[in-house]
């Protein structure tokens, strides 16, 4: 083996010693870390259990425990671990040689001198051969020595007692009184929570859930279980203390009025206080306002209209109604119309629904969200104005010259206007098939009320003697929703006389004229006679008596009757 190989072997032995040195330190540091960890844990948990500290002291203990153990890890474990892994600064060969020399008395400074001679030979090449001979001599002397044996790992067992003592105490407590460790550990881990001191009785909240809807009242039911029950129980909330209503020995009650926000409360009795409870107040979904757009049927010729905060509506039949409902804290809106419920989805707190309305109905709005299934409902009424039937009134007049010529004057009326006005008539013999005819009558159909005139000449209709003519007028409105509605004037019938009937009518007419003529002649003779008599009586008188005035009036009345009779003839 050459000198270089011998020196490298010596260096390898020193490196092995250095790694074992740091491994020994790491093992010792872990033992001391365990001793400190378990001892501090024992002290902290036992102290907290019997001290029953508040949140502040528990937080201080928790963070002291974390800080001390973190310091022990940084001080005792991490440096040795990094050095053992050859990370960062470690022992130099000279420092390791001094430690080895102190351990082996026969080595003493030989190892350090060998390292120094090697360095001197490197710095002074002129004496390299002489120095090399000295190095070989010392390497031969050090070769039998095992440097790592200077580190005895078993010596660390003497430190295990510092771990065994606290661990043994912890095990004894865990077997005899485990609550000391479990309860205090739980309170330390949850150091920012309130833990009530143990009482001889328990406060039990009987409510299935501590949630309320904004604006509602929240009844609270409390039950006590245990020994030495208190006679009175109080509730602390919002900096105030209230006495609960006592319902029985173990039952108490309280009502939170008009809940608007989350409420934290505690129960207290005889110096014992419960853990804090939280009543969560869920936002109440509400309807803020809503707008209504009305699109009327086209035949009404009305412009669309928008109403704000219009609940009850009065609209024409067939109007398309569009609701735009603005809400708060609502994710869904139940819109009920005509007995059918429609679930509307939220669009930035706006719900929209539209429907064409034909009849009177009610509608209801019920907002809701994920936590409040149903809120206060709003109900409204829709009154529908139906398109009324049109009305028609006709007056008939016969021509003074021809009995087959008729004149009609009429009036039509409707709430929204008309679509048609027609004249219908049927011609034919009774019991036989009749001929049907329809004529359009001119009138201003755009108005809601219009007059019309119609002339009808039967001689132009081809009516034969012995036939019957039935006729009427018909008007139709302009209802664009359900279709035009129609009304008729009363049907009238006209019989066309045959030759025999016509002769009979002529005979009757002639006889009637003769009778009237004879009556007129007689009446004229009577008037003439009475006039002459009255003239002679009044000839020599300047003033008339009552009876004479009455005779004059009677004579004038007879003259008027004679004139009327002459007109009839």
Protein backbone atom coordinates (compact mmCIF):
# COMPACT_ATOMS: atom_id res chain seq x y z
CA UNK A 1 0.00 0.00 0.00
CA UNK A 2 1.41 3.38 -1.00
CA UNK A 3 1.71 6.33 1.28
CA UNK A 4 -1.23 8.05 -0.39
CA UNK A 5 -3.49 5.04 0.13
CA UNK A 6 -2.51 4.80 3.77
CA UNK A 7 -3.30 8.47 4.31
CA UNK A 8 -6.69 8.18 2.57
CA UNK A 9 -7.56 5.23 4.76
CA UNK A 10 -6.68 7.33 7.80
CA UNK A 11 -8.96 10.14 6.59
CA UNK A 12 -11.83 7.67 6.00
CA UNK A 13 -11.54 6.47 9.58
CA UNK A 14 -11.72 10.10 10.80
CA UNK A 15 -14.82 10.75 8.63
CA UNK A 16 -16.48 7.65 10.05
CA UNK A 17 -15.77 8.92 13.54
CA UNK A 18 -17.29 12.34 12.70
CA UNK A 19 -20.56 10.79 11.44
CA UNK A 20 -20.82 8.55 14.51
CA UNK A 21 -20.10 11.57 16.69
CA UNK A 22 -23.07 13.49 15.26
CA UNK A 23 -25.31 10.43 15.30
CA UNK A 24 -24.56 10.10 19.00
CA UNK A 25 -25.42 13.75 19.53
CA UNK A 26 -28.66 13.30 17.54
CA UNK A 27 -29.66 10.28 19.63
CA UNK A 28 -28.95 12.15 22.86
CA UNK A 29 -30.88 15.20 21.60
CA UNK A 30 -33.93 13.04 20.82
CA UNK A 31 -33.83 11.61 24.34
CA UNK A 32 -33.66 15.08 25.88
CA UNK A 33 -36.41 16.28 23.52
CA UNK A 34 -38.64 13.42 24.65
CA UNK A 35 -37.85 14.17 28.30
CA UNK A 36 -38.74 17.83 27.81
CA UNK A 37 -41.85 17.09 25.71
CA UNK A 38 -43.41 14.59 28.10
CA UNK A 39 -42.42 16.51 31.23
CA UNK A 40 -43.86 19.78 29.91
CA UNK A 41 -47.01 17.98 28.68
CA UNK A 42 -47.50 16.45 32.12
CA UNK A 43 -47.02 19.78 33.88
CA UNK A 44 -49.29 21.70 31.48
CA UNK A 45 -52.17 19.21 31.42
CA UNK A 46 -52.25 18.61 35.17
CA UNK A 47 -52.02 22.33 35.88
CA UNK A 48 -54.81 23.13 33.42
CA UNK A 49 -57.05 20.35 34.69
CA UNK A 50 -56.98 21.47 38.30
CA UNK A 51 -56.73 25.16 37.49
CA UNK A 52 -59.63 25.07 35.01
CA UNK A 53 -58.19 28.14 33.29
CA UNK A 54 -60.06 30.56 31.10
CA UNK A 55 -59.47 30.95 27.37
CA UNK A 56 -56.61 33.45 27.79
CA UNK A 57 -54.53 31.30 30.16
CA UNK A 58 -55.21 28.18 28.10
CA UNK A 59 -54.02 30.00 24.98
CA UNK A 60 -50.85 31.10 26.83
CA UNK A 61 -50.14 27.54 27.99
CA UNK A 62 -50.80 26.13 24.53
CA UNK A 63 -48.42 28.49 22.77
CA UNK A 64 -45.74 28.12 25.51
CA UNK A 65 -45.90 24.36 25.02
CA UNK A 66 -45.51 24.74 21.27
CA UNK A 67 -42.72 27.32 21.59
CA UNK A 68 -40.66 25.33 24.16
CA UNK A 69 -40.81 22.12 22.15
CA UNK A 70 -40.02 23.95 18.94
CA UNK A 71 -36.96 25.48 20.70
CA UNK A 72 -35.83 22.06 21.90
CA UNK A 73 -36.08 20.67 18.37
CA UNK A 74 -34.09 23.58 16.95
CA UNK A 75 -31.49 23.34 19.70
CA UNK A 76 -31.07 19.59 20.26
CA UNK A 77 -32.09 17.83 17.09
CA UNK A 78 -31.77 19.89 13.92
CA UNK A 79 -28.01 20.81 14.16
CA UNK A 80 -26.93 17.22 14.81
CA UNK A 81 -29.26 15.89 12.12
CA UNK A 82 -27.91 18.30 9.48
CA UNK A 83 -24.31 17.54 10.44
CA UNK A 84 -24.97 13.79 10.30
CA UNK A 85 -26.41 14.31 6.83
CA UNK A 86 -23.30 16.38 5.95
CA UNK A 87 -25.34 19.50 5.44
CA UNK A 88 -23.79 22.75 6.62
CA UNK A 89 -20.84 23.14 8.99
CA UNK A 90 -19.35 20.00 10.67
CA UNK A 91 -16.22 19.07 12.66
CA UNK A 92 -12.91 19.56 10.85
CA UNK A 93 -10.36 16.74 10.72
CA UNK A 94 -8.14 18.59 13.22
CA UNK A 95 -11.06 19.01 15.69
CA UNK A 96 -11.93 15.34 15.31
CA UNK A 97 -8.22 14.40 15.86
CA UNK A 98 -8.15 16.32 19.16
CA UNK A 99 -11.32 14.55 20.38
CA UNK A 100 -9.85 11.15 19.40
CA UNK A 101 -6.49 12.01 21.05
CA UNK A 102 -8.22 12.88 24.32
CA UNK A 103 -10.08 9.57 24.29
CA UNK A 104 -7.08 7.30 23.40
CA UNK A 105 -4.12 8.11 25.67
CA UNK A 106 -1.64 6.23 23.49
CA UNK A 107 -2.77 8.23 20.49
CA UNK A 108 -2.60 11.58 22.21
CA UNK A 109 -1.30 14.13 19.62
CA UNK A 110 -0.04 11.59 17.07
CA UNK A 111 -3.12 11.84 14.86
CA UNK A 112 -3.11 15.63 14.99
CA UNK A 113 0.64 15.73 14.23
CA UNK A 114 0.13 13.43 11.25
CA UNK A 115 -2.48 15.78 9.80
CA UNK A 116 -0.24 18.78 10.46
CA UNK A 117 2.80 17.09 8.83
CA UNK A 118 0.73 16.32 5.76
CA UNK A 119 -0.19 19.94 5.52
CA UNK A 120 3.44 21.00 6.04
CA UNK A 121 4.65 18.67 3.27
CA UNK A 122 2.11 20.19 0.97
CA UNK A 123 3.33 23.70 1.83
CA UNK A 124 7.17 22.93 1.73
CA UNK A 125 8.07 20.60 -1.19
CA UNK A 126 11.84 20.76 -0.35
CA UNK A 127 11.37 18.75 2.85
CA UNK A 128 8.66 16.56 1.38
CA UNK A 129 10.69 13.29 1.49
CA UNK A 130 11.77 13.80 5.08
CA UNK A 131 8.27 14.69 6.19
CA UNK A 132 6.80 11.76 4.24
CA UNK A 133 8.97 9.33 6.19
CA UNK A 134 7.64 10.78 9.47
CA UNK A 135 4.05 10.51 8.24
CA UNK A 136 4.49 6.84 7.28
CA UNK A 137 5.87 6.10 10.68
CA UNK A 138 2.90 7.68 12.49
CA UNK A 139 0.32 6.08 10.17
CA UNK A 140 1.75 2.67 11.00
CA UNK A 141 1.42 3.45 14.70
CA UNK A 142 -2.21 4.64 14.33
CA UNK A 143 -3.37 1.87 12.01
CA UNK A 144 -4.48 -0.57 14.75
CA UNK A 145 -6.63 2.10 16.43
CA UNK A 146 -10.43 2.14 15.61
CA UNK A 147 -11.38 5.79 15.86
CA UNK A 148 -15.23 5.26 15.84
CA UNK A 149 -14.89 3.13 18.95
CA UNK A 150 -14.23 6.36 20.82
CA UNK A 151 -18.02 6.92 20.63
CA UNK A 152 -20.06 4.58 22.85
CA UNK A 153 -23.75 4.83 21.91
CA UNK A 154 -24.81 2.73 24.90
CA UNK A 155 -23.79 5.50 27.24
CA UNK A 156 -27.01 7.30 26.18
CA UNK A 157 -29.10 4.80 28.11
CA UNK A 158 -28.24 6.63 31.31
CA UNK A 159 -30.32 9.57 30.02
CA UNK A 160 -33.41 7.47 29.36
CA UNK A 161 -34.54 7.88 32.94
CA UNK A 162 -35.47 11.49 32.14
CA UNK A 163 -37.90 10.14 29.57
CA UNK A 164 -39.10 7.14 31.54
CA UNK A 165 -40.10 9.14 34.61
CA UNK A 166 -42.63 11.52 32.92
CA UNK A 167 -43.86 8.76 30.60
CA UNK A 168 -44.49 6.47 33.58
CA UNK A 169 -46.41 9.17 35.40
CA UNK A 170 -48.46 9.83 32.27
CA UNK A 171 -49.27 6.13 31.92
CA UNK A 172 -50.30 5.89 35.58
CA UNK A 173 -52.63 8.89 35.21
CA UNK A 174 -54.01 7.49 31.93
CA UNK A 175 -54.90 4.24 33.70
CA UNK A 176 -56.26 5.69 36.93
CA UNK A 177 -57.76 9.06 35.94
CA UNK A 178 -57.75 9.40 32.15
CA UNK A 179 -60.04 12.45 32.24
CA UNK A 180 -57.16 14.49 33.65
CA UNK A 181 -55.30 14.01 30.39
CA UNK A 182 -58.19 13.83 27.92
CA UNK A 183 -60.22 16.77 29.24
CA UNK A 184 -57.27 19.09 29.71
CA UNK A 185 -55.78 18.09 26.33
CA UNK A 186 -59.09 18.80 24.63
CA UNK A 187 -59.36 22.19 26.31
CA UNK A 188 -55.76 23.06 25.40
CA UNK A 189 -56.19 22.10 21.76
CA UNK A 190 -59.46 24.06 21.60
CA UNK A 191 -57.96 26.84 23.66
CA UNK A 192 -60.04 29.53 21.93
CA UNK A 193 -63.34 27.94 23.00
CA UNK A 194 -65.21 28.47 26.22
CA UNK A 195 -65.53 25.44 28.54
CA UNK A 196 -67.88 25.78 31.45
CA UNK A 197 -66.79 24.50 34.85
CA UNK A 198 -68.36 21.19 35.74
CA UNK A 199 -71.64 21.65 37.56
CA UNK A 200 -73.68 19.13 39.58
CA UNK A 201 -76.40 19.46 36.93
CA UNK A 202 -76.62 19.93 33.18
CA UNK A 203 -78.27 22.61 31.10
CA UNK A 204 -80.07 20.89 28.23
CA UNK A 205 -81.52 22.94 25.37
CA UNK A 206 -84.61 21.11 24.11
CA UNK A 207 -84.91 23.02 20.83
CA UNK A 208 -84.23 20.78 17.87
CA UNK A 209 -82.28 23.57 16.21
CA UNK A 210 -81.18 27.01 17.30
CA UNK A 211 -82.24 28.80 14.15
CA UNK A 212 -84.84 31.48 13.62
CA UNK A 213 -86.28 33.49 10.77
CA UNK A 214 -85.62 37.20 10.72
CA UNK A 215 -88.45 39.10 12.35
CA UNK A 216 -89.96 36.02 14.07
CA UNK A 217 -90.03 35.20 17.78
CA UNK A 218 -87.78 32.39 19.02
CA UNK A 219 -89.07 30.29 21.95
CA UNK A 220 -86.31 28.64 24.00
CA UNK A 221 -86.97 25.50 26.09
CA UNK A 222 -84.49 24.49 28.81
CA UNK A 223 -84.30 21.31 30.89
CA UNK A 224 -82.11 20.64 33.94
CA UNK A 225 -80.72 17.19 34.74
CA UNK A 226 -78.58 16.20 37.72
CA UNK A 227 -78.42 16.79 41.47
CA UNK A 228 -79.02 19.92 43.55
CA UNK A 229 -81.12 21.62 40.90
CA UNK A 230 -81.34 25.40 41.25
CA UNK A 231 -84.67 27.09 41.82
CA UNK A 232 -83.98 29.84 39.27
CA UNK A 233 -82.13 29.94 35.98
CA UNK A 234 -80.94 33.06 34.18
CA UNK A 235 -79.93 33.78 30.63
CA UNK A 236 -77.12 36.16 29.69
CA UNK A 237 -77.25 37.75 26.25
CA UNK A 238 -76.11 41.01 24.76
CA UNK A 239 -74.73 42.24 28.09
CA UNK A 240 -78.10 41.73 29.80
CA UNK A 241 -79.36 39.07 32.19
CA UNK A 242 -82.95 37.81 32.21
CA UNK A 243 -84.69 35.37 34.50
CA UNK A 244 -86.19 32.38 32.71
CA UNK A 245 -89.85 31.52 33.13
CA UNK A 246 -90.12 28.51 35.40
CA UNK A 247 -92.58 25.91 34.12
CA UNK A 248 -91.67 23.08 36.52
CA UNK A 249 -88.82 21.98 38.74
CA UNK A 250 -86.72 20.98 35.75
CA UNK A 251 -88.27 22.99 32.90
CA UNK A 252 -87.64 26.65 32.06
CA UNK A 253 -88.53 28.79 29.06
CA UNK A 254 -87.66 32.11 27.42
CA UNK A 255 -88.79 33.91 24.26
CA UNK A 256 -86.52 36.02 22.08
CA UNK A 257 -88.72 38.68 20.48
CA UNK A 258 -88.45 39.93 16.89
CA UNK A 259 -85.14 38.28 16.00
CA UNK A 260 -83.07 40.45 13.66
CA UNK A 261 -79.51 39.12 13.97
CA UNK A 262 -77.51 36.22 15.41
CA UNK A 263 -77.71 35.99 19.20
CA UNK A 264 -75.21 34.40 21.59
CA UNK A 265 -76.40 33.43 25.05
CA UNK A 266 -75.36 31.52 28.15
CA UNK A 267 -77.37 29.91 30.91
CA UNK A 268 -76.35 30.51 34.51
CA UNK A 269 -77.57 29.31 37.89
CA UNK A 270 -75.95 29.21 41.36
CA UNK A 271 -72.59 30.35 40.04
CA UNK A 272 -72.39 27.79 37.23
CA UNK A 273 -72.48 28.89 33.64
CA UNK A 274 -73.16 26.85 30.54
CA UNK A 275 -71.16 26.90 27.35
CA UNK A 276 -72.20 29.68 24.98
CA UNK A 277 -74.99 28.92 22.53
CA UNK A 278 -75.57 30.62 19.20
CA UNK A 279 -78.98 31.27 17.68
CA UNK A 280 -78.50 31.75 13.97
CA UNK A 281 -81.01 34.13 12.42
CA UNK A 282 -81.70 33.35 8.79
CA UNK A 283 -82.57 36.19 6.48
CA UNK A 284 -86.27 36.32 5.76
CA UNK A 285 -87.09 36.32 2.05
CA UNK A 286 -89.35 39.25 1.31
CA UNK A 287 -91.03 40.90 -1.66
CA UNK A 288 -89.85 44.53 -1.84
CA UNK A 289 -92.06 45.66 -4.71
CA UNK A 290 -93.23 44.55 -8.10
CA UNK A 291 -94.17 46.10 -11.41
CA UNK A 292 -96.90 44.93 -13.78
CA UNK A 293 -96.80 45.32 -17.56
CA UNK A 294 -100.19 45.13 -19.29
CA UNK A 295 -100.34 44.27 -23.00
CA UNK A 296 -103.96 44.69 -24.06
CA UNK A 297 -105.65 42.75 -26.87
CA UNK A 298 -104.89 44.29 -30.26
CA UNK A 299 -108.54 44.97 -31.13
CA UNK A 300 -108.80 47.43 -28.23
CA UNK A 301 -106.13 49.67 -29.81
CA UNK A 302 -104.71 50.51 -26.38
CA UNK A 303 -101.03 51.13 -25.76
CA UNK A 304 -99.18 48.80 -23.35
CA UNK A 305 -99.17 50.08 -19.80
CA UNK A 306 -96.76 49.65 -16.88
CA UNK A 307 -98.01 49.92 -13.30
CA UNK A 308 -95.84 50.17 -10.20
CA UNK A 309 -96.73 48.34 -6.99
CA UNK A 310 -100.10 47.38 -8.45
CA UNK A 311 -101.52 44.43 -6.53
CA UNK A 312 -105.21 44.16 -7.39
CA UNK A 313 -105.87 44.56 -11.11
CA UNK A 314 -108.90 45.36 -13.24
CA UNK A 315 -108.18 44.48 -16.87
CA UNK A 316 -109.98 43.54 -20.11
CA UNK A 317 -110.24 39.84 -20.89
CA UNK A 318 -107.31 38.54 -22.93
CA UNK A 319 -104.76 40.97 -21.50
CA UNK A 320 -101.20 39.61 -21.22
CA UNK A 321 -99.95 40.45 -17.72
CA UNK A 322 -96.21 40.41 -16.99
CA UNK A 323 -95.09 40.61 -13.36
CA UNK A 324 -91.58 41.77 -12.40
CA UNK A 325 -91.11 41.00 -8.71
CA UNK A 326 -88.19 42.52 -6.80
CA UNK A 327 -87.18 40.57 -3.68
CA UNK A 328 -84.59 40.45 -0.93
CA UNK A 329 -82.85 37.30 0.35
CA UNK A 330 -85.01 35.10 -1.91
CA UNK A 331 -83.65 32.34 -4.12
CA UNK A 332 -87.04 31.15 -5.34
CA UNK A 333 -90.56 32.55 -5.73
CA UNK A 334 -93.74 30.49 -5.72
CA UNK A 335 -96.21 32.29 -8.00
CA UNK A 336 -99.73 30.86 -7.75
CA UNK A 337 -102.28 31.82 -10.42
CA UNK A 338 -105.56 30.08 -11.25
CA UNK A 339 -104.78 27.51 -8.56
CA UNK A 340 -101.51 26.48 -10.27
CA UNK A 341 -98.16 27.10 -8.58
CA UNK A 342 -95.19 28.15 -10.68
CA UNK A 343 -91.69 28.07 -9.13
CA UNK A 344 -89.64 30.97 -10.47
CA UNK A 345 -85.84 31.16 -10.31
CA UNK A 346 -83.87 34.15 -9.13
CA UNK A 347 -82.24 36.50 -11.61
CA UNK A 348 -80.36 39.08 -9.55
CA UNK A 349 -83.23 39.35 -7.02
CA UNK A 350 -85.74 39.70 -9.88
CA UNK A 351 -88.47 37.19 -10.72
CA UNK A 352 -90.50 37.44 -13.93
CA UNK A 353 -93.74 35.74 -14.95
CA UNK A 354 -96.34 36.46 -17.63
CA UNK A 355 -99.70 34.97 -18.58
CA UNK A 356 -102.77 35.88 -20.62
CA UNK A 357 -105.74 36.33 -18.29
CA UNK A 358 -109.30 35.51 -19.41
CA UNK A 359 -111.32 35.34 -16.19
CA UNK A 360 -111.50 36.62 -12.63
CA UNK A 361 -108.84 35.02 -10.49
CA UNK A 362 -106.53 35.41 -7.50
CA UNK A 363 -102.74 35.26 -7.45
CA UNK A 364 -100.28 34.79 -4.62
CA UNK A 365 -96.56 35.49 -4.13
CA UNK A 366 -94.50 33.39 -1.67
CA UNK A 367 -90.70 34.02 -1.62
CA UNK A 368 -88.31 31.44 -0.17
CA UNK A 369 -84.62 30.59 0.09
CA UNK A 370 -82.45 27.61 0.95
CA UNK A 371 -82.99 27.91 4.70
CA UNK A 372 -86.50 29.42 4.84
CA UNK A 373 -88.90 27.23 2.88
CA UNK A 374 -91.91 29.50 3.13
CA UNK A 375 -92.26 33.14 4.08
CA UNK A 376 -95.20 35.51 4.37
CA UNK A 377 -97.43 35.37 1.32
CA UNK A 378 -99.00 38.26 -0.57
CA UNK A 379 -102.41 37.64 -2.18
CA UNK A 380 -104.14 39.84 -4.74
CA UNK A 381 -107.25 39.82 -6.96
CA UNK A 382 -107.59 40.19 -10.73
CA UNK A 383 -110.98 41.44 -11.94
CA UNK A 384 -111.54 40.78 -15.63
CA UNK A 385 -113.85 42.97 -17.70
CA UNK A 386 -115.46 40.78 -20.34
CA UNK A 387 -116.43 42.18 -23.74
CA UNK A 388 -120.19 42.77 -23.50
CA UNK A 389 -122.78 41.86 -26.12
CA UNK A 390 -123.57 44.62 -28.60
CA UNK A 391 -127.01 46.27 -28.45
CA UNK A 392 -129.27 47.24 -31.36
CA UNK A 393 -132.49 49.32 -31.48
CA UNK A 394 -134.50 49.65 -34.71
CA UNK A 395 -137.50 51.80 -35.60
CA UNK A 396 -139.55 50.82 -38.66
CA UNK A 397 -141.76 53.08 -40.80
CA UNK A 398 -143.85 52.14 -43.83
CA UNK A 399 -143.82 54.22 -46.96
CA UNK A 400 -146.96 56.38 -47.29
CA UNK A 401 -147.40 55.48 -50.95
CA UNK A 402 -146.31 51.86 -51.18
CA UNK A 403 -146.97 49.24 -48.55
CA UNK A 404 -143.98 47.30 -49.93
CA UNK A 405 -141.44 49.99 -49.08
CA UNK A 406 -140.04 50.20 -45.52
CA UNK A 407 -137.74 52.68 -43.83
CA UNK A 408 -135.52 51.73 -40.87
CA UNK A 409 -133.77 54.04 -38.42
CA UNK A 410 -131.55 52.34 -35.86
CA UNK A 411 -128.84 52.69 -33.21
CA UNK A 412 -126.07 50.20 -32.36
CA UNK A 413 -123.95 50.30 -29.19
CA UNK A 414 -120.97 48.29 -27.84
CA UNK A 415 -118.18 48.78 -25.33
CA UNK A 416 -115.34 48.48 -27.88
CA UNK A 417 -116.77 48.83 -31.38
CA UNK A 418 -118.19 46.68 -34.17
CA UNK A 419 -117.08 44.37 -36.92
CA UNK A 420 -120.32 44.11 -38.97
CA UNK A 421 -123.91 45.31 -39.34
CA UNK A 422 -126.17 43.25 -41.61
CA UNK A 423 -129.84 43.00 -42.63
CA UNK A 424 -131.25 39.47 -42.98
CA UNK A 425 -134.55 38.36 -44.48
CA UNK A 426 -136.24 35.14 -45.60
CA UNK A 427 -138.88 34.87 -48.32
CA UNK A 428 -141.11 31.88 -48.90
CA UNK A 429 -144.45 30.27 -48.23
CA UNK A 430 -145.06 28.95 -44.70
CA UNK A 431 -143.98 25.31 -44.29
CA UNK A 432 -141.84 25.41 -47.42
CA UNK A 433 -138.18 26.07 -48.01
CA UNK A 434 -137.42 29.76 -47.78
CA UNK A 435 -134.93 31.90 -49.66
CA UNK A 436 -132.31 33.57 -47.45
CA UNK A 437 -130.81 36.99 -48.16
CA UNK A 438 -128.21 39.13 -46.35
CA UNK A 439 -127.33 42.74 -46.99
CA UNK A 440 -124.59 44.86 -45.44
CA UNK A 441 -125.81 48.01 -43.74
CA UNK A 442 -123.62 51.09 -43.75
CA UNK A 443 -122.63 52.47 -40.33
CA UNK A 444 -119.53 53.85 -38.56
CA UNK A 445 -118.28 50.59 -37.05
CA UNK A 446 -115.20 52.17 -35.44
CA UNK A 447 -117.31 54.02 -32.87
CA UNK A 448 -118.81 52.53 -29.73
CA UNK A 449 -122.20 53.99 -30.66
CA UNK A 450 -123.51 54.67 -34.17
CA UNK A 451 -126.79 55.42 -35.98
CA UNK A 452 -127.82 53.90 -39.27
CA UNK A 453 -130.55 54.22 -41.90
CA UNK A 454 -131.76 51.53 -44.25
CA UNK A 455 -134.40 51.56 -47.05
CA UNK A 456 -135.95 48.29 -48.18
CA UNK A 457 -138.16 47.95 -51.27
CA UNK A 458 -139.93 44.60 -51.34
CA UNK A 459 -140.83 44.99 -55.02
CA UNK A 460 -137.15 44.54 -55.84
CA UNK A 461 -136.77 41.36 -53.77
CA UNK A 462 -138.99 39.12 -55.92
CA UNK A 463 -141.61 38.47 -53.27
CA UNK A 464 -144.67 36.82 -54.76
CA UNK A 465 -148.28 37.13 -53.61
CA UNK A 466 -149.10 34.67 -50.83
CA UNK A 467 -145.49 34.48 -49.58
CA UNK A 468 -144.22 35.45 -46.13
CA UNK A 469 -141.22 37.70 -45.48
CA UNK A 470 -139.34 37.51 -42.15
CA UNK A 471 -136.61 40.08 -41.51
CA UNK A 472 -134.24 41.35 -38.77
CA UNK A 473 -130.98 43.27 -38.28
CA UNK A 474 -127.82 41.69 -36.80
CA UNK A 475 -124.78 43.49 -35.34
CA UNK A 476 -121.43 41.86 -34.43
CA UNK A 477 -118.83 43.38 -32.11
CA UNK A 478 -115.04 43.26 -32.65
CA UNK A 479 -114.08 40.89 -29.79
CA UNK A 480 -110.59 39.67 -30.75
CA UNK A 481 -110.25 37.29 -27.81
CA UNK A 482 -113.25 34.94 -27.96
CA UNK A 483 -114.52 35.99 -31.39
CA UNK A 484 -117.24 38.46 -32.42
CA UNK A 485 -120.45 38.30 -30.41
CA UNK A 486 -123.75 39.03 -32.19
CA UNK A 487 -127.07 40.59 -31.28
CA UNK A 488 -130.30 40.70 -33.32
CA UNK A 489 -133.26 42.98 -33.50
CA UNK A 490 -136.66 41.34 -32.96
CA UNK A 491 -137.78 39.34 -35.97
CA UNK A 492 -140.73 40.78 -37.87
CA UNK A 493 -142.99 39.09 -40.41
CA UNK A 494 -144.73 40.60 -43.43
CA UNK A 495 -147.36 38.68 -45.42
CA UNK A 496 -147.64 39.44 -49.16
CA UNK A 497 -151.40 39.28 -49.96
CA UNK A 498 -152.67 37.33 -52.98
CA UNK A 499 -155.42 38.57 -55.37
CA UNK A 500 -158.34 37.48 -53.18
CA UNK A 501 -156.79 38.97 -50.01
CA UNK A 502 -155.98 42.14 -51.92
CA UNK A 503 -159.62 42.49 -53.11
CA UNK A 504 -160.88 41.89 -49.60
CA UNK A 505 -158.54 44.58 -48.33
CA UNK A 506 -159.74 46.96 -51.05
CA UNK A 507 -163.38 46.26 -50.22
CA UNK A 508 -162.71 46.84 -46.56
CA UNK A 509 -160.90 50.04 -47.40
CA UNK A 510 -163.68 51.31 -49.65
CA UNK A 511 -166.39 50.62 -47.08
CA UNK A 512 -164.33 52.33 -44.39
CA UNK A 513 -163.96 55.41 -46.62
CA UNK A 514 -167.68 55.47 -47.28
CA UNK A 515 -168.50 55.23 -43.59
CA UNK A 516 -166.10 58.06 -42.78
CA UNK A 517 -167.54 60.21 -45.60
CA UNK A 518 -171.09 59.78 -44.33
CA UNK A 519 -169.96 60.61 -40.80
CA UNK A 520 -168.21 63.73 -42.10
CA UNK A 521 -171.32 64.91 -43.99
CA UNK A 522 -173.53 64.45 -40.96
CA UNK A 523 -171.04 66.20 -38.69
CA UNK A 524 -170.73 69.13 -41.16
CA UNK A 525 -174.51 69.57 -41.33
CA UNK A 526 -174.74 69.53 -37.57
CA UNK A 527 -171.95 72.13 -37.26
CA UNK A 528 -173.67 74.35 -39.86
CA UNK A 529 -176.98 74.22 -38.05
CA UNK A 530 -175.45 74.95 -34.63
CA UNK A 531 -173.36 77.80 -36.08
CA UNK A 532 -176.45 79.57 -37.47
CA UNK A 533 -178.33 79.17 -34.21
CA UNK A 534 -175.36 80.51 -32.17
CA UNK A 535 -174.95 83.51 -34.52
CA UNK A 536 -178.58 84.59 -34.05
CA UNK A 537 -178.24 84.21 -30.28
CA UNK A 538 -175.08 86.34 -30.07
CA UNK A 539 -176.11 88.99 -32.57
CA UNK A 540 -177.56 91.46 -30.03
CA UNK A 541 -175.15 90.67 -27.12
CA UNK A 542 -171.92 92.33 -26.19
CA UNK A 543 -170.96 89.87 -23.40
CA UNK A 544 -171.20 86.06 -23.33
CA UNK A 545 -172.48 84.05 -20.44
CA UNK A 546 -170.74 80.95 -19.14
CA UNK A 547 -173.11 78.60 -20.96
CA UNK A 548 -172.72 80.54 -24.19
CA UNK A 549 -168.90 80.31 -23.96
CA UNK A 550 -169.21 76.61 -23.43
CA UNK A 551 -171.37 76.23 -26.56
CA UNK A 552 -168.71 78.09 -28.59
CA UNK A 553 -165.98 75.74 -27.32
CA UNK A 554 -168.04 72.66 -28.17
CA UNK A 555 -168.62 73.96 -31.69
CA UNK A 556 -164.90 74.56 -32.22
CA UNK A 557 -164.10 71.04 -30.93
CA UNK A 558 -166.54 69.55 -33.49
CA UNK A 559 -164.87 71.53 -36.29
CA UNK A 560 -161.48 70.02 -35.25
CA UNK A 561 -162.98 66.51 -35.30
CA UNK A 562 -164.35 67.21 -38.76
CA UNK A 563 -160.91 68.27 -40.00
CA UNK A 564 -159.29 65.10 -38.63
CA UNK A 565 -161.96 62.97 -40.24
CA UNK A 566 -161.39 64.66 -43.60
CA UNK A 567 -157.65 63.97 -43.29
CA UNK A 568 -158.26 60.28 -42.66
CA UNK A 569 -160.51 60.07 -45.76
